[in-house]
Amino acid sequence: MDILFILIPLSVALALLILGALGWAVWRGQFEGVDAEAERILRSD
């Protein structure tokens, strides 16, 4: 039972860290133009 007092806050902190990293990536524009790279492969230079 004592392990739950460690694991639950640890899992909440990890989930918040993951959400923060995802939010940072979206805010910085990492997911803009996802189709551009796929189309770039198909175009011949």
N, C-alpha and C. Protein backbone atom coordinates (compact mmCIF):
# COMPACT_ATOMS: atom_id res chain seq x y z
N MET A 1 0.82 -1.19 0.00
CA MET A 1 0.00 0.00 0.00
C MET A 1 0.86 1.26 0.00
N ASP A 2 2.00 1.19 0.66
CA ASP A 2 2.88 2.35 0.72
C ASP A 2 3.46 2.70 -0.65
N ILE A 3 3.61 1.69 -1.49
CA ILE A 3 4.18 1.95 -2.81
C ILE A 3 3.25 2.82 -3.65
N LEU A 4 1.95 2.76 -3.39
CA LEU A 4 1.00 3.58 -4.14
C LEU A 4 1.22 5.07 -3.88
N PHE A 5 1.67 5.41 -2.69
CA PHE A 5 1.95 6.81 -2.37
C PHE A 5 3.14 7.35 -3.15
N ILE A 6 3.94 6.45 -3.69
CA ILE A 6 5.07 6.85 -4.53
C ILE A 6 4.70 6.77 -6.01
N LEU A 7 4.03 5.68 -6.39
CA LEU A 7 3.75 5.44 -7.80
C LEU A 7 2.70 6.37 -8.39
N ILE A 8 1.67 6.70 -7.63
CA ILE A 8 0.61 7.56 -8.17
C ILE A 8 1.13 8.96 -8.45
N PRO A 9 1.81 9.64 -7.53
CA PRO A 9 2.35 10.96 -7.89
C PRO A 9 3.41 10.89 -8.99
N LEU A 10 4.18 9.81 -9.01
CA LEU A 10 5.18 9.64 -10.06
C LEU A 10 4.53 9.49 -11.43
N SER A 11 3.45 8.74 -11.51
CA SER A 11 2.76 8.57 -12.79
C SER A 11 2.06 9.85 -13.22
N VAL A 12 1.53 10.60 -12.28
CA VAL A 12 0.91 11.89 -12.62
C VAL A 12 1.97 12.86 -13.12
N ALA A 13 3.11 12.89 -12.48
CA ALA A 13 4.20 13.78 -12.91
C ALA A 13 4.69 13.38 -14.30
N LEU A 14 4.79 12.10 -14.57
CA LEU A 14 5.23 11.63 -15.88
C LEU A 14 4.21 11.99 -16.96
N ALA A 15 2.93 11.84 -16.64
CA ALA A 15 1.88 12.21 -17.60
C ALA A 15 1.92 13.71 -17.88
N LEU A 16 2.12 14.52 -16.86
CA LEU A 16 2.22 15.97 -17.07
C LEU A 16 3.45 16.34 -17.88
N LEU A 17 4.54 15.64 -17.66
CA LEU A 17 5.75 15.87 -18.44
C LEU A 17 5.54 15.54 -19.91
N ILE A 18 4.87 14.43 -20.18
CA ILE A 18 4.59 14.04 -21.56
C ILE A 18 3.65 15.04 -22.22
N LEU A 19 2.61 15.45 -21.51
CA LEU A 19 1.69 16.45 -22.06
C LEU A 19 2.39 17.78 -22.29
N GLY A 20 3.29 18.14 -21.40
CA GLY A 20 4.05 19.37 -21.58
C GLY A 20 4.96 19.30 -22.80
N ALA A 21 5.60 18.17 -23.01
CA ALA A 21 6.47 18.01 -24.18
C ALA A 21 5.66 18.04 -25.46
N LEU A 22 4.48 17.41 -25.46
CA LEU A 22 3.62 17.43 -26.64
C LEU A 22 3.11 18.84 -26.90
N GLY A 23 2.71 19.54 -25.85
CA GLY A 23 2.26 20.92 -26.00
C GLY A 23 3.37 21.82 -26.52
N TRP A 24 4.59 21.62 -26.03
CA TRP A 24 5.72 22.41 -26.50
C TRP A 24 5.97 22.16 -27.99
N ALA A 25 5.89 20.90 -28.40
CA ALA A 25 6.13 20.56 -29.81
C ALA A 25 5.06 21.17 -30.70
N VAL A 26 3.81 21.14 -30.26
CA VAL A 26 2.73 21.73 -31.05
C VAL A 26 2.90 23.24 -31.10
N TRP A 27 3.23 23.84 -29.97
CA TRP A 27 3.38 25.30 -29.90
C TRP A 27 4.54 25.78 -30.77
N ARG A 28 5.60 25.02 -30.87
CA ARG A 28 6.78 25.40 -31.64
C ARG A 28 6.63 25.08 -33.13
N GLY A 29 5.52 24.45 -33.53
CA GLY A 29 5.27 24.21 -34.93
C GLY A 29 5.92 22.95 -35.49
N GLN A 30 6.17 21.97 -34.64
CA GLN A 30 6.81 20.74 -35.10
C GLN A 30 5.88 19.91 -35.99
N PHE A 31 4.58 20.13 -35.89
CA PHE A 31 3.63 19.33 -36.64
C PHE A 31 3.02 20.11 -37.80
N GLU A 32 3.62 21.22 -38.17
CA GLU A 32 3.15 21.99 -39.31
C GLU A 32 3.73 21.39 -40.59
N GLY A 33 2.94 21.26 -41.60
CA GLY A 33 3.41 20.76 -42.89
C GLY A 33 3.89 19.34 -42.85
N VAL A 34 3.14 18.47 -42.21
CA VAL A 34 3.54 17.07 -42.11
C VAL A 34 3.51 16.41 -43.49
N ASP A 35 2.58 16.83 -44.33
CA ASP A 35 2.46 16.23 -45.67
C ASP A 35 3.56 16.69 -46.61
N ALA A 36 4.23 17.78 -46.30
CA ALA A 36 5.24 18.32 -47.21
C ALA A 36 6.41 17.34 -47.40
N GLU A 37 6.83 16.72 -46.33
CA GLU A 37 7.95 15.78 -46.44
C GLU A 37 7.56 14.54 -47.23
N ALA A 38 6.33 14.08 -47.07
CA ALA A 38 5.88 12.91 -47.82
C ALA A 38 5.80 13.24 -49.32
N GLU A 39 5.37 14.43 -49.64
CA GLU A 39 5.28 14.83 -51.04
C GLU A 39 6.66 15.13 -51.65
N ARG A 40 7.58 15.56 -50.82
CA ARG A 40 8.93 15.88 -51.29
C ARG A 40 9.62 14.64 -51.83
N ILE A 41 9.35 13.48 -51.24
CA ILE A 41 9.96 12.24 -51.70
C ILE A 41 9.47 11.88 -53.10
N LEU A 42 8.20 12.17 -53.37
CA LEU A 42 7.61 11.78 -54.64
C LEU A 42 7.99 12.70 -55.79
N ARG A 43 8.36 13.93 -55.47
CA ARG A 43 8.74 14.88 -56.53
C ARG A 43 10.15 14.60 -57.03
N SER A 44 10.35 14.66 -58.33
CA SER A 44 11.70 14.49 -58.87
C SER A 44 12.32 15.86 -59.08
N ASP A 45 13.54 15.98 -58.69
CA ASP A 45 14.25 17.26 -58.82
C ASP A 45 14.96 17.38 -60.14
